[in-house]
Full PDB file with SEQRES, HELIX, SHEET, SSBOND, CRYST1, ORIGX, SCALE, CONECT and MASTER records, all heavy atoms in Angstrom:
SEQRES   1 A   39  TYR LEU ASP SER VAL LYS GLY ARG PHE THR ILE PRO LYS          
SEQRES   2 A   39  ASP ASN VAL LYS LYS SER LEU TYR LEU GLN MET ASN SER          
SEQRES   3 A   39  LEU GLU PRO GLU ASP THR ALA MET TYR TYR CYS VAL ALA          
HELIX    1 AA1 ASP A    3  VAL A    5  5                                   3    
HELIX    2 AA2 PRO A   29  ASP A   31  5                                   3    
SHEET    1 AA1 2 PHE A   9  THR A  10  0                                        
SHEET    2 AA1 2 GLN A  23  MET A  24 -1                                        
SHEET    1 AA2 2 LYS A  13  ASP A  14  0                                        
SHEET    2 AA2 2 SER A  19  LEU A  20 -1                                        
CRYST1    1.000    1.000    1.000  90.00  90.00  90.00 P 1           1          
ORIGX1      1.000000  0.000000  0.000000        0.00000                         
ORIGX2      0.000000  1.000000  0.000000        0.00000                         
ORIGX3      0.000000  0.000000  1.000000        0.00000                         
SCALE1      1.000000  0.000000  0.000000        0.00000                         
SCALE2      0.000000  1.000000  0.000000        0.00000                         
SCALE3      0.000000  0.000000  1.000000        0.00000                         
ATOM      1  N   TYR A   1      12.891  61.818  13.223  1.00  0.00           N  
ATOM      2  CA  TYR A   1      12.640  60.832  14.165  1.00  0.00           C  
ATOM      3  C   TYR A   1      13.940  60.301  14.885  1.00  0.00           C  
ATOM      4  O   TYR A   1      15.041  60.308  14.297  1.00  0.00           O  
ATOM      5  CB  TYR A   1      12.048  59.486  13.608  1.00  0.00           C  
ATOM      6  CG  TYR A   1      10.630  59.946  13.005  1.00  0.00           C  
ATOM      7  CD1 TYR A   1      10.453  60.301  11.612  1.00  0.00           C  
ATOM      8  CD2 TYR A   1       9.459  59.712  13.827  1.00  0.00           C  
ATOM      9  CE1 TYR A   1       9.301  60.612  11.222  1.00  0.00           C  
ATOM     10  CE2 TYR A   1       8.238  60.053  13.265  1.00  0.00           C  
ATOM     11  CZ  TYR A   1       8.105  60.440  11.977  1.00  0.00           C  
ATOM     12  OH  TYR A   1       6.813  60.747  11.457  1.00  0.00           O  
ATOM     13  N   LEU A   2      13.851  59.932  16.078  1.00  0.00           N  
ATOM     14  CA  LEU A   2      14.897  59.247  16.837  1.00  0.00           C  
ATOM     15  C   LEU A   2      15.119  57.990  16.031  1.00  0.00           C  
ATOM     16  O   LEU A   2      14.182  57.287  15.562  1.00  0.00           O  
ATOM     17  CB  LEU A   2      14.408  58.930  18.249  1.00  0.00           C  
ATOM     18  CG  LEU A   2      15.346  58.267  19.154  1.00  0.00           C  
ATOM     19  CD1 LEU A   2      16.508  59.206  19.558  1.00  0.00           C  
ATOM     20  CD2 LEU A   2      14.608  57.847  20.440  1.00  0.00           C  
ATOM     21  N   ASP A   3      16.440  57.624  15.891  1.00  0.00           N  
ATOM     22  CA  ASP A   3      16.753  56.517  15.073  1.00  0.00           C  
ATOM     23  C   ASP A   3      16.065  55.253  15.513  1.00  0.00           C  
ATOM     24  O   ASP A   3      15.596  54.459  14.630  1.00  0.00           O  
ATOM     25  CB  ASP A   3      18.388  56.169  15.123  1.00  0.00           C  
ATOM     26  CG  ASP A   3      19.040  57.287  14.293  1.00  0.00           C  
ATOM     27  OD1 ASP A   3      18.458  57.881  13.460  1.00  0.00           O  
ATOM     28  OD2 ASP A   3      20.329  57.421  14.483  1.00  0.00           O  
ATOM     29  N   SER A   4      15.962  55.006  16.789  1.00  0.00           N  
ATOM     30  CA  SER A   4      15.399  53.826  17.298  1.00  0.00           C  
ATOM     31  C   SER A   4      13.807  53.635  17.013  1.00  0.00           C  
ATOM     32  O   SER A   4      13.320  52.559  17.198  1.00  0.00           O  
ATOM     33  CB  SER A   4      15.654  53.694  18.830  1.00  0.00           C  
ATOM     34  OG  SER A   4      14.985  54.656  19.498  1.00  0.00           O  
ATOM     35  N   VAL A   5      13.206  54.697  16.619  1.00  0.00           N  
ATOM     36  CA  VAL A   5      11.704  54.664  16.275  1.00  0.00           C  
ATOM     37  C   VAL A   5      11.419  54.711  14.761  1.00  0.00           C  
ATOM     38  O   VAL A   5      10.309  54.645  14.433  1.00  0.00           O  
ATOM     39  CB  VAL A   5      10.957  55.673  17.156  1.00  0.00           C  
ATOM     40  CG1 VAL A   5      11.244  55.534  18.590  1.00  0.00           C  
ATOM     41  CG2 VAL A   5      11.161  57.060  16.549  1.00  0.00           C  
ATOM     42  N   LYS A   6      12.538  55.044  13.976  1.00  0.00           N  
ATOM     43  CA  LYS A   6      12.248  55.198  12.543  1.00  0.00           C  
ATOM     44  C   LYS A   6      11.616  53.910  11.966  1.00  0.00           C  
ATOM     45  O   LYS A   6      12.102  52.780  12.302  1.00  0.00           O  
ATOM     46  CB  LYS A   6      13.576  55.463  11.809  1.00  0.00           C  
ATOM     47  CG  LYS A   6      14.093  56.927  12.061  1.00  0.00           C  
ATOM     48  CD  LYS A   6      15.370  57.093  11.417  1.00  0.00           C  
ATOM     49  CE  LYS A   6      15.898  58.559  11.539  1.00  0.00           C  
ATOM     50  NZ  LYS A   6      17.148  58.797  11.028  1.00  0.00           N  
ATOM     51  N   GLY A   7      10.601  54.119  11.143  1.00  0.00           N  
ATOM     52  CA  GLY A   7       9.900  52.942  10.530  1.00  0.00           C  
ATOM     53  C   GLY A   7       8.763  52.317  11.438  1.00  0.00           C  
ATOM     54  O   GLY A   7       8.063  51.606  11.017  1.00  0.00           O  
ATOM     55  N   ARG A   8       8.785  52.828  12.666  1.00  0.00           N  
ATOM     56  CA  ARG A   8       7.747  52.319  13.584  1.00  0.00           C  
ATOM     57  C   ARG A   8       6.812  53.453  14.033  1.00  0.00           C  
ATOM     58  O   ARG A   8       5.578  53.170  14.329  1.00  0.00           O  
ATOM     59  CB  ARG A   8       8.343  51.716  14.945  1.00  0.00           C  
ATOM     60  CG  ARG A   8       9.332  50.521  14.619  1.00  0.00           C  
ATOM     61  CD  ARG A   8       9.755  49.785  15.816  1.00  0.00           C  
ATOM     62  NE  ARG A   8      10.559  50.688  16.723  1.00  0.00           N  
ATOM     63  CZ  ARG A   8      10.135  50.993  17.892  1.00  0.00           C  
ATOM     64  NH1 ARG A   8       9.030  50.505  18.456  1.00  0.00           N  
ATOM     65  NH2 ARG A   8      10.979  51.772  18.672  1.00  0.00           N  
ATOM     66  N   PHE A   9       7.262  54.609  14.220  1.00  0.00           N  
ATOM     67  CA  PHE A   9       6.485  55.778  14.713  1.00  0.00           C  
ATOM     68  C   PHE A   9       6.290  56.771  13.510  1.00  0.00           C  
ATOM     69  O   PHE A   9       7.157  56.962  12.786  1.00  0.00           O  
ATOM     70  CB  PHE A   9       7.126  56.459  15.900  1.00  0.00           C  
ATOM     71  CG  PHE A   9       7.292  55.801  17.171  1.00  0.00           C  
ATOM     72  CD1 PHE A   9       6.992  54.421  17.176  1.00  0.00           C  
ATOM     73  CD2 PHE A   9       7.735  56.385  18.310  1.00  0.00           C  
ATOM     74  CE1 PHE A   9       7.069  53.614  18.465  1.00  0.00           C  
ATOM     75  CE2 PHE A   9       7.851  55.744  19.502  1.00  0.00           C  
ATOM     76  CZ  PHE A   9       7.544  54.360  19.573  1.00  0.00           C  
ATOM     77  N   THR A  10       5.194  57.415  13.625  1.00  0.00           N  
ATOM     78  CA  THR A  10       4.934  58.579  12.813  1.00  0.00           C  
ATOM     79  C   THR A  10       4.283  59.712  13.571  1.00  0.00           C  
ATOM     80  O   THR A  10       3.685  59.482  14.643  1.00  0.00           O  
ATOM     81  CB  THR A  10       4.057  58.195  11.563  1.00  0.00           C  
ATOM     82  OG1 THR A  10       2.795  57.745  12.006  1.00  0.00           O  
ATOM     83  CG2 THR A  10       4.717  57.222  10.615  1.00  0.00           C  
ATOM     84  N   ILE A  11       4.404  60.917  13.082  1.00  0.00           N  
ATOM     85  CA  ILE A  11       3.899  62.063  13.861  1.00  0.00           C  
ATOM     86  C   ILE A  11       2.910  62.901  13.005  1.00  0.00           C  
ATOM     87  O   ILE A  11       3.285  63.897  12.564  1.00  0.00           O  
ATOM     88  CB  ILE A  11       5.096  62.884  14.387  1.00  0.00           C  
ATOM     89  CG1 ILE A  11       4.579  64.007  15.260  1.00  0.00           C  
ATOM     90  CG2 ILE A  11       5.987  63.319  13.204  1.00  0.00           C  
ATOM     91  CD1 ILE A  11       5.718  64.653  16.014  1.00  0.00           C  
ATOM     92  N   PRO A  12       1.749  62.348  12.869  1.00  0.00           N  
ATOM     93  CA  PRO A  12       0.637  63.242  12.113  1.00  0.00           C  
ATOM     94  C   PRO A  12       0.288  64.535  12.790  1.00  0.00           C  
ATOM     95  O   PRO A  12       0.392  64.480  14.133  1.00  0.00           O  
ATOM     96  CB  PRO A  12      -0.408  62.335  11.998  1.00  0.00           C  
ATOM     97  CG  PRO A  12       0.084  60.936  12.327  1.00  0.00           C  
ATOM     98  CD  PRO A  12       1.149  61.203  13.344  1.00  0.00           C  
ATOM     99  N   LYS A  13      -0.153  65.523  12.083  1.00  0.00           N  
ATOM    100  CA  LYS A  13      -0.535  66.730  12.745  1.00  0.00           C  
ATOM    101  C   LYS A  13      -1.847  67.248  12.009  1.00  0.00           C  
ATOM    102  O   LYS A  13      -1.944  67.156  10.839  1.00  0.00           O  
ATOM    103  CB  LYS A  13       0.500  67.799  12.569  1.00  0.00           C  
ATOM    104  CG  LYS A  13       0.216  69.186  13.284  1.00  0.00           C  
ATOM    105  CD  LYS A  13       1.437  69.949  13.583  1.00  0.00           C  
ATOM    106  CE  LYS A  13       2.090  70.431  12.420  1.00  0.00           C  
ATOM    107  NZ  LYS A  13       1.455  71.640  11.800  1.00  0.00           N  
ATOM    108  N   ASP A  14      -2.767  67.757  12.795  1.00  0.00           N  
ATOM    109  CA  ASP A  14      -3.989  68.190  12.303  1.00  0.00           C  
ATOM    110  C   ASP A  14      -4.067  69.729  12.725  1.00  0.00           C  
ATOM    111  O   ASP A  14      -4.329  69.989  13.877  1.00  0.00           O  
ATOM    112  CB  ASP A  14      -5.266  67.557  12.815  1.00  0.00           C  
ATOM    113  CG  ASP A  14      -6.555  67.880  12.089  1.00  0.00           C  
ATOM    114  OD1 ASP A  14      -6.720  68.996  11.785  1.00  0.00           O  
ATOM    115  OD2 ASP A  14      -7.426  66.975  11.950  1.00  0.00           O  
ATOM    116  N   ASN A  15      -3.909  70.493  11.806  1.00  0.00           N  
ATOM    117  CA  ASN A  15      -3.820  72.091  12.142  1.00  0.00           C  
ATOM    118  C   ASN A  15      -5.156  72.589  12.422  1.00  0.00           C  
ATOM    119  O   ASN A  15      -5.392  73.441  13.277  1.00  0.00           O  
ATOM    120  CB  ASN A  15      -3.250  72.840  10.938  1.00  0.00           C  
ATOM    121  CG  ASN A  15      -1.720  72.571  10.802  1.00  0.00           C  
ATOM    122  OD1 ASN A  15      -0.981  72.325  11.773  1.00  0.00           O  
ATOM    123  ND2 ASN A  15      -1.292  72.492   9.586  1.00  0.00           N  
ATOM    124  N   VAL A  16      -6.220  71.983  11.847  1.00  0.00           N  
ATOM    125  CA  VAL A  16      -7.608  72.465  12.172  1.00  0.00           C  
ATOM    126  C   VAL A  16      -8.005  72.153  13.549  1.00  0.00           C  
ATOM    127  O   VAL A  16      -8.509  73.001  14.279  1.00  0.00           O  
ATOM    128  CB  VAL A  16      -8.627  71.926  11.066  1.00  0.00           C  
ATOM    129  CG1 VAL A  16      -9.944  72.236  11.521  1.00  0.00           C  
ATOM    130  CG2 VAL A  16      -8.228  72.397   9.773  1.00  0.00           C  
ATOM    131  N   LYS A  17      -7.786  70.855  13.857  1.00  0.00           N  
ATOM    132  CA  LYS A  17      -8.011  70.470  15.286  1.00  0.00           C  
ATOM    133  C   LYS A  17      -7.018  70.855  16.285  1.00  0.00           C  
ATOM    134  O   LYS A  17      -7.260  70.731  17.551  1.00  0.00           O  
ATOM    135  CB  LYS A  17      -8.048  68.926  15.340  1.00  0.00           C  
ATOM    136  CG  LYS A  17      -9.247  68.368  14.539  1.00  0.00           C  
ATOM    137  CD  LYS A  17      -9.441  66.768  14.661  1.00  0.00           C  
ATOM    138  CE  LYS A  17     -10.627  66.308  13.951  1.00  0.00           C  
ATOM    139  NZ  LYS A  17     -10.716  64.825  14.014  1.00  0.00           N  
ATOM    140  N   LYS A  18      -5.889  71.633  15.891  1.00  0.00           N  
ATOM    141  CA  LYS A  18      -4.842  71.956  16.713  1.00  0.00           C  
ATOM    142  C   LYS A  18      -4.396  70.741  17.615  1.00  0.00           C  
ATOM    143  O   LYS A  18      -4.105  70.872  18.780  1.00  0.00           O  
ATOM    144  CB  LYS A  18      -5.246  73.069  17.597  1.00  0.00           C  
ATOM    145  CG  LYS A  18      -5.688  74.402  16.877  1.00  0.00           C  
ATOM    146  CD  LYS A  18      -6.209  75.439  17.882  1.00  0.00           C  
ATOM    147  CE  LYS A  18      -6.736  76.728  17.082  1.00  0.00           C  
ATOM    148  NZ  LYS A  18      -7.154  77.651  17.983  1.00  0.00           N  
ATOM    149  N   SER A  19      -4.108  69.714  16.828  1.00  0.00           N  
ATOM    150  CA  SER A  19      -3.663  68.448  17.631  1.00  0.00           C  
ATOM    151  C   SER A  19      -2.577  67.818  16.843  1.00  0.00           C  
ATOM    152  O   SER A  19      -2.397  67.947  15.718  1.00  0.00           O  
ATOM    153  CB  SER A  19      -4.855  67.467  17.612  1.00  0.00           C  
ATOM    154  OG  SER A  19      -5.897  67.953  18.344  1.00  0.00           O  
ATOM    155  N   LEU A  20      -1.719  67.196  17.809  1.00  0.00           N  
ATOM    156  CA  LEU A  20      -0.523  66.415  17.244  1.00  0.00           C  
ATOM    157  C   LEU A  20      -0.810  65.090  17.723  1.00  0.00           C  
ATOM    158  O   LEU A  20      -1.288  64.888  18.807  1.00  0.00           O  
ATOM    159  CB  LEU A  20       0.726  67.135  17.862  1.00  0.00           C  
ATOM    160  CG  LEU A  20       2.022  66.444  17.480  1.00  0.00           C  
ATOM    161  CD1 LEU A  20       2.362  66.766  15.934  1.00  0.00           C  
ATOM    162  CD2 LEU A  20       3.150  66.869  18.336  1.00  0.00           C  
ATOM    163  N   TYR A  21      -0.228  64.102  16.914  1.00  0.00           N  
ATOM    164  CA  TYR A  21      -0.387  62.696  17.327  1.00  0.00           C  
ATOM    165  C   TYR A  21       0.959  62.070  17.147  1.00  0.00           C  
ATOM    166  O   TYR A  21       1.900  62.490  16.542  1.00  0.00           O  
ATOM    167  CB  TYR A  21      -1.337  62.017  16.248  1.00  0.00           C  
ATOM    168  CG  TYR A  21      -2.680  62.744  16.233  1.00  0.00           C  
ATOM    169  CD1 TYR A  21      -2.898  63.656  15.143  1.00  0.00           C  
ATOM    170  CD2 TYR A  21      -3.694  62.477  17.163  1.00  0.00           C  
ATOM    171  CE1 TYR A  21      -4.036  64.365  15.203  1.00  0.00           C  
ATOM    172  CE2 TYR A  21      -4.926  63.110  17.059  1.00  0.00           C  
ATOM    173  CZ  TYR A  21      -5.138  64.148  16.151  1.00  0.00           C  
ATOM    174  OH  TYR A  21      -6.371  64.602  16.069  1.00  0.00           O  
ATOM    175  N   LEU A  22       1.079  60.971  17.879  1.00  0.00           N  
ATOM    176  CA  LEU A  22       2.286  60.086  17.668  1.00  0.00           C  
ATOM    177  C   LEU A  22       1.629  58.711  17.529  1.00  0.00           C  
ATOM    178  O   LEU A  22       1.030  58.022  18.374  1.00  0.00           O  
ATOM    179  CB  LEU A  22       3.052  60.058  18.920  1.00  0.00           C  
ATOM    180  CG  LEU A  22       4.373  59.219  18.818  1.00  0.00           C  
ATOM    181  CD1 LEU A  22       5.360  59.801  17.709  1.00  0.00           C  
ATOM    182  CD2 LEU A  22       5.170  59.195  20.059  1.00  0.00           C  
ATOM    183  N   GLN A  23       1.731  58.309  16.321  1.00  0.00           N  
ATOM    184  CA  GLN A  23       1.354  56.875  15.925  1.00  0.00           C  
ATOM    185  C   GLN A  23       2.489  55.833  16.186  1.00  0.00           C  
ATOM    186  O   GLN A  23       3.559  55.968  15.573  1.00  0.00           O  
ATOM    187  CB  GLN A  23       0.897  56.703  14.500  1.00  0.00           C  
ATOM    188  CG  GLN A  23       0.313  55.286  14.177  1.00  0.00           C  
ATOM    189  CD  GLN A  23      -0.864  54.890  14.794  1.00  0.00           C  
ATOM    190  OE1 GLN A  23      -1.866  55.533  14.993  1.00  0.00           O  
ATOM    191  NE2 GLN A  23      -0.775  53.568  15.431  1.00  0.00           N  
ATOM    192  N   MET A  24       2.285  54.997  17.126  1.00  0.00           N  
ATOM    193  CA  MET A  24       3.376  54.056  17.554  1.00  0.00           C  
ATOM    194  C   MET A  24       3.047  52.698  17.211  1.00  0.00           C  
ATOM    195  O   MET A  24       1.992  52.079  17.761  1.00  0.00           O  
ATOM    196  CB  MET A  24       3.707  54.225  19.010  1.00  0.00           C  
ATOM    197  CG  MET A  24       4.036  55.568  19.550  1.00  0.00           C  
ATOM    198  SD  MET A  24       4.444  55.660  21.274  1.00  0.00           S  
ATOM    199  CE  MET A  24       2.888  55.302  21.976  1.00  0.00           C  
ATOM    200  N   ASN A  25       3.773  52.036  16.267  1.00  0.00           N  
ATOM    201  CA  ASN A  25       3.522  50.697  15.896  1.00  0.00           C  
ATOM    202  C   ASN A  25       4.758  49.916  16.266  1.00  0.00           C  
ATOM    203  O   ASN A  25       5.869  50.351  16.540  1.00  0.00           O  
ATOM    204  CB  ASN A  25       3.302  50.519  14.365  1.00  0.00           C  
ATOM    205  CG  ASN A  25       2.101  51.369  13.880  1.00  0.00           C  
ATOM    206  OD1 ASN A  25       1.067  51.430  14.561  1.00  0.00           O  
ATOM    207  ND2 ASN A  25       2.240  52.063  12.734  1.00  0.00           N  
ATOM    208  N   SER A  26       4.488  48.492  16.223  1.00  0.00           N  
ATOM    209  CA  SER A  26       5.552  47.611  16.588  1.00  0.00           C  
ATOM    210  C   SER A  26       6.292  48.093  17.818  1.00  0.00           C  
ATOM    211  O   SER A  26       7.462  47.987  17.943  1.00  0.00           O  
ATOM    212  CB  SER A  26       6.573  47.529  15.432  1.00  0.00           C  
ATOM    213  OG  SER A  26       5.962  47.111  14.240  1.00  0.00           O  
ATOM    214  N   LEU A  27       5.536  48.255  18.838  1.00  0.00           N  
ATOM    215  CA  LEU A  27       6.100  48.823  20.158  1.00  0.00           C  
ATOM    216  C   LEU A  27       6.972  47.799  20.867  1.00  0.00           C  
ATOM    217  O   LEU A  27       6.745  46.575  20.769  1.00  0.00           O  
ATOM    218  CB  LEU A  27       4.946  49.171  21.059  1.00  0.00           C  
ATOM    219  CG  LEU A  27       4.414  50.571  20.814  1.00  0.00           C  
ATOM    220  CD1 LEU A  27       2.934  50.677  21.447  1.00  0.00           C  
ATOM    221  CD2 LEU A  27       5.330  51.626  21.255  1.00  0.00           C  
ATOM    222  N   GLU A  28       8.010  48.291  21.403  1.00  0.00           N  
ATOM    223  CA  GLU A  28       9.009  47.500  22.176  1.00  0.00           C  
ATOM    224  C   GLU A  28       9.069  47.864  23.612  1.00  0.00           C  
ATOM    225  O   GLU A  28       8.775  48.999  23.958  1.00  0.00           O  
ATOM    226  CB  GLU A  28      10.418  47.603  21.462  1.00  0.00           C  
ATOM    227  CG  GLU A  28      10.412  47.281  19.960  1.00  0.00           C  
ATOM    228  CD  GLU A  28      11.614  47.746  19.299  1.00  0.00           C  
ATOM    229  OE1 GLU A  28      12.499  48.459  19.948  1.00  0.00           O  
ATOM    230  OE2 GLU A  28      11.832  47.422  18.133  1.00  0.00           O  
ATOM    231  N   PRO A  29       9.513  46.914  24.408  1.00  0.00           N  
ATOM    232  CA  PRO A  29       9.586  47.349  25.918  1.00  0.00           C  
ATOM    233  C   PRO A  29      10.426  48.565  26.204  1.00  0.00           C  
ATOM    234  O   PRO A  29      10.198  49.342  27.059  1.00  0.00           O  
ATOM    235  CB  PRO A  29      10.220  46.025  26.452  1.00  0.00           C  
ATOM    236  CG  PRO A  29       9.733  44.915  25.637  1.00  0.00           C  
ATOM    237  CD  PRO A  29       9.823  45.500  24.193  1.00  0.00           C  
ATOM    238  N   GLU A  30      11.472  48.758  25.155  1.00  0.00           N  
ATOM    239  CA  GLU A  30      12.297  49.960  25.302  1.00  0.00           C  
ATOM    240  C   GLU A  30      11.588  51.230  25.117  1.00  0.00           C  
ATOM    241  O   GLU A  30      12.125  52.289  25.454  1.00  0.00           O  
ATOM    242  CB  GLU A  30      13.457  49.798  24.514  1.00  0.00           C  
ATOM    243  CG  GLU A  30      14.467  48.683  24.780  1.00  0.00           C  
ATOM    244  CD  GLU A  30      14.021  47.301  24.486  1.00  0.00           C  
ATOM    245  OE1 GLU A  30      13.095  47.084  23.611  1.00  0.00           O  
ATOM    246  OE2 GLU A  30      14.379  46.345  25.063  1.00  0.00           O  
ATOM    247  N   ASP A  31      10.372  51.231  24.629  1.00  0.00           N  
ATOM    248  CA  ASP A  31       9.606  52.370  24.360  1.00  0.00           C  
ATOM    249  C   ASP A  31       8.782  52.866  25.618  1.00  0.00           C  
ATOM    250  O   ASP A  31       8.199  53.912  25.559  1.00  0.00           O  
ATOM    251  CB  ASP A  31       8.587  52.032  23.282  1.00  0.00           C  
ATOM    252  CG  ASP A  31       9.222  51.837  21.871  1.00  0.00           C  
ATOM    253  OD1 ASP A  31      10.256  52.600  21.502  1.00  0.00           O  
ATOM    254  OD2 ASP A  31       8.763  50.992  21.120  1.00  0.00           O  
ATOM    255  N   THR A  32       8.870  51.983  26.605  1.00  0.00           N  
ATOM    256  CA  THR A  32       8.221  52.305  27.880  1.00  0.00           C  
ATOM    257  C   THR A  32       8.741  53.665  28.488  1.00  0.00           C  
ATOM    258  O   THR A  32       9.946  53.754  28.725  1.00  0.00           O  
ATOM    259  CB  THR A  32       8.356  51.155  28.960  1.00  0.00           C  
ATOM    260  OG1 THR A  32       7.725  49.993  28.435  1.00  0.00           O  
ATOM    261  CG2 THR A  32       7.755  51.555  30.276  1.00  0.00           C  
ATOM    262  N   ALA A  33       7.941  54.573  28.682  1.00  0.00           N  
ATOM    263  CA  ALA A  33       8.314  55.925  29.157  1.00  0.00           C  
ATOM    264  C   ALA A  33       7.090  56.783  29.350  1.00  0.00           C  
ATOM    265  O   ALA A  33       6.035  56.470  28.943  1.00  0.00           O  
ATOM    266  CB  ALA A  33       9.286  56.511  28.165  1.00  0.00           C  
ATOM    267  N   MET A  34       7.417  57.998  29.967  1.00  0.00           N  
ATOM    268  CA  MET A  34       6.316  58.990  30.031  1.00  0.00           C  
ATOM    269  C   MET A  34       6.600  59.782  28.698  1.00  0.00           C  
ATOM    270  O   MET A  34       7.672  60.209  28.434  1.00  0.00           O  
ATOM    271  CB  MET A  34       6.517  59.851  31.173  1.00  0.00           C  
ATOM    272  CG  MET A  34       5.500  61.050  31.339  1.00  0.00           C  
ATOM    273  SD  MET A  34       3.827  60.263  31.775  1.00  0.00           S  
ATOM    274  CE  MET A  34       4.062  59.868  33.511  1.00  0.00           C  
ATOM    275  N   TYR A  35       5.522  60.003  27.992  1.00  0.00           N  
ATOM    276  CA  TYR A  35       5.645  60.718  26.611  1.00  0.00           C  
ATOM    277  C   TYR A  35       5.006  62.189  26.831  1.00  0.00           C  
ATOM    278  O   TYR A  35       3.920  62.280  27.334  1.00  0.00           O  
ATOM    279  CB  TYR A  35       4.984  59.955  25.545  1.00  0.00           C  
ATOM    280  CG  TYR A  35       5.723  58.774  24.995  1.00  0.00           C  
ATOM    281  CD1 TYR A  35       5.790  57.657  25.833  1.00  0.00           C  
ATOM    282  CD2 TYR A  35       6.298  58.864  23.762  1.00  0.00           C  
ATOM    283  CE1 TYR A  35       6.545  56.614  25.383  1.00  0.00           C  
ATOM    284  CE2 TYR A  35       6.991  57.746  23.325  1.00  0.00           C  
ATOM    285  CZ  TYR A  35       7.183  56.548  24.072  1.00  0.00           C  
ATOM    286  OH  TYR A  35       7.930  55.552  23.637  1.00  0.00           O  
ATOM    287  N   TYR A  36       5.850  63.112  26.352  1.00  0.00           N  
ATOM    288  CA  TYR A  36       5.448  64.550  26.484  1.00  0.00           C  
ATOM    289  C   TYR A  36       5.264  65.171  25.069  1.00  0.00           C  
ATOM    290  O   TYR A  36       6.114  65.065  24.213  1.00  0.00           O  
ATOM    291  CB  TYR A  36       6.548  65.251  27.180  1.00  0.00           C  
ATOM    292  CG  TYR A  36       6.841  64.847  28.649  1.00  0.00           C  
ATOM    293  CD1 TYR A  36       7.536  63.863  28.892  1.00  0.00           C  
ATOM    294  CD2 TYR A  36       6.034  65.371  29.681  1.00  0.00           C  
ATOM    295  CE1 TYR A  36       7.779  63.391  30.178  1.00  0.00           C  
ATOM    296  CE2 TYR A  36       6.191  64.999  30.946  1.00  0.00           C  
ATOM    297  CZ  TYR A  36       7.137  63.998  31.199  1.00  0.00           C  
ATOM    298  OH  TYR A  36       7.250  63.527  32.500  1.00  0.00           O  
ATOM    299  N   CYS A  37       4.235  65.879  24.928  1.00  0.00           N  
ATOM    300  CA  CYS A  37       4.046  66.775  23.766  1.00  0.00           C  
ATOM    301  C   CYS A  37       4.729  68.006  23.993  1.00  0.00           C  
ATOM    302  O   CYS A  37       4.780  68.617  25.132  1.00  0.00           O  
ATOM    303  CB  CYS A  37       2.585  67.012  23.507  1.00  0.00           C  
ATOM    304  SG  CYS A  37       2.166  68.008  22.123  1.00  0.00           S  
ATOM    305  N   VAL A  38       5.481  68.526  22.877  1.00  0.00           N  
ATOM    306  CA  VAL A  38       6.199  69.752  23.059  1.00  0.00           C  
ATOM    307  C   VAL A  38       5.981  70.701  21.933  1.00  0.00           C  
ATOM    308  O   VAL A  38       5.631  70.187  20.734  1.00  0.00           O  
ATOM    309  CB  VAL A  38       7.687  69.488  23.188  1.00  0.00           C  
ATOM    310  CG1 VAL A  38       7.968  68.643  24.426  1.00  0.00           C  
ATOM    311  CG2 VAL A  38       8.183  68.786  21.933  1.00  0.00           C  
ATOM    312  N   ALA A  39       6.204  71.936  22.121  1.00  0.00           N  
ATOM    313  CA  ALA A  39       6.049  72.998  21.055  1.00  0.00           C  
ATOM    314  C   ALA A  39       6.989  74.159  21.271  1.00  0.00           C  
ATOM    315  O   ALA A  39       7.171  74.525  22.360  1.00  0.00           O  
ATOM    316  CB  ALA A  39       4.591  73.424  20.983  1.00  0.00           C  
TER     317      ALA A  39                                                      
MASTER        0    0    0    2    4    0    0    6  316    1    0    3          
END                                                                             
């Protein structure tokens, strides 16, 4: 994880569903952005 999101974000993955997630908690204004999934 990026240092600034440690403890707030997690990145679960479901291989069966072929899906990746980003669970974002305790969001801050600095988190405002376009978010891109990558592989």
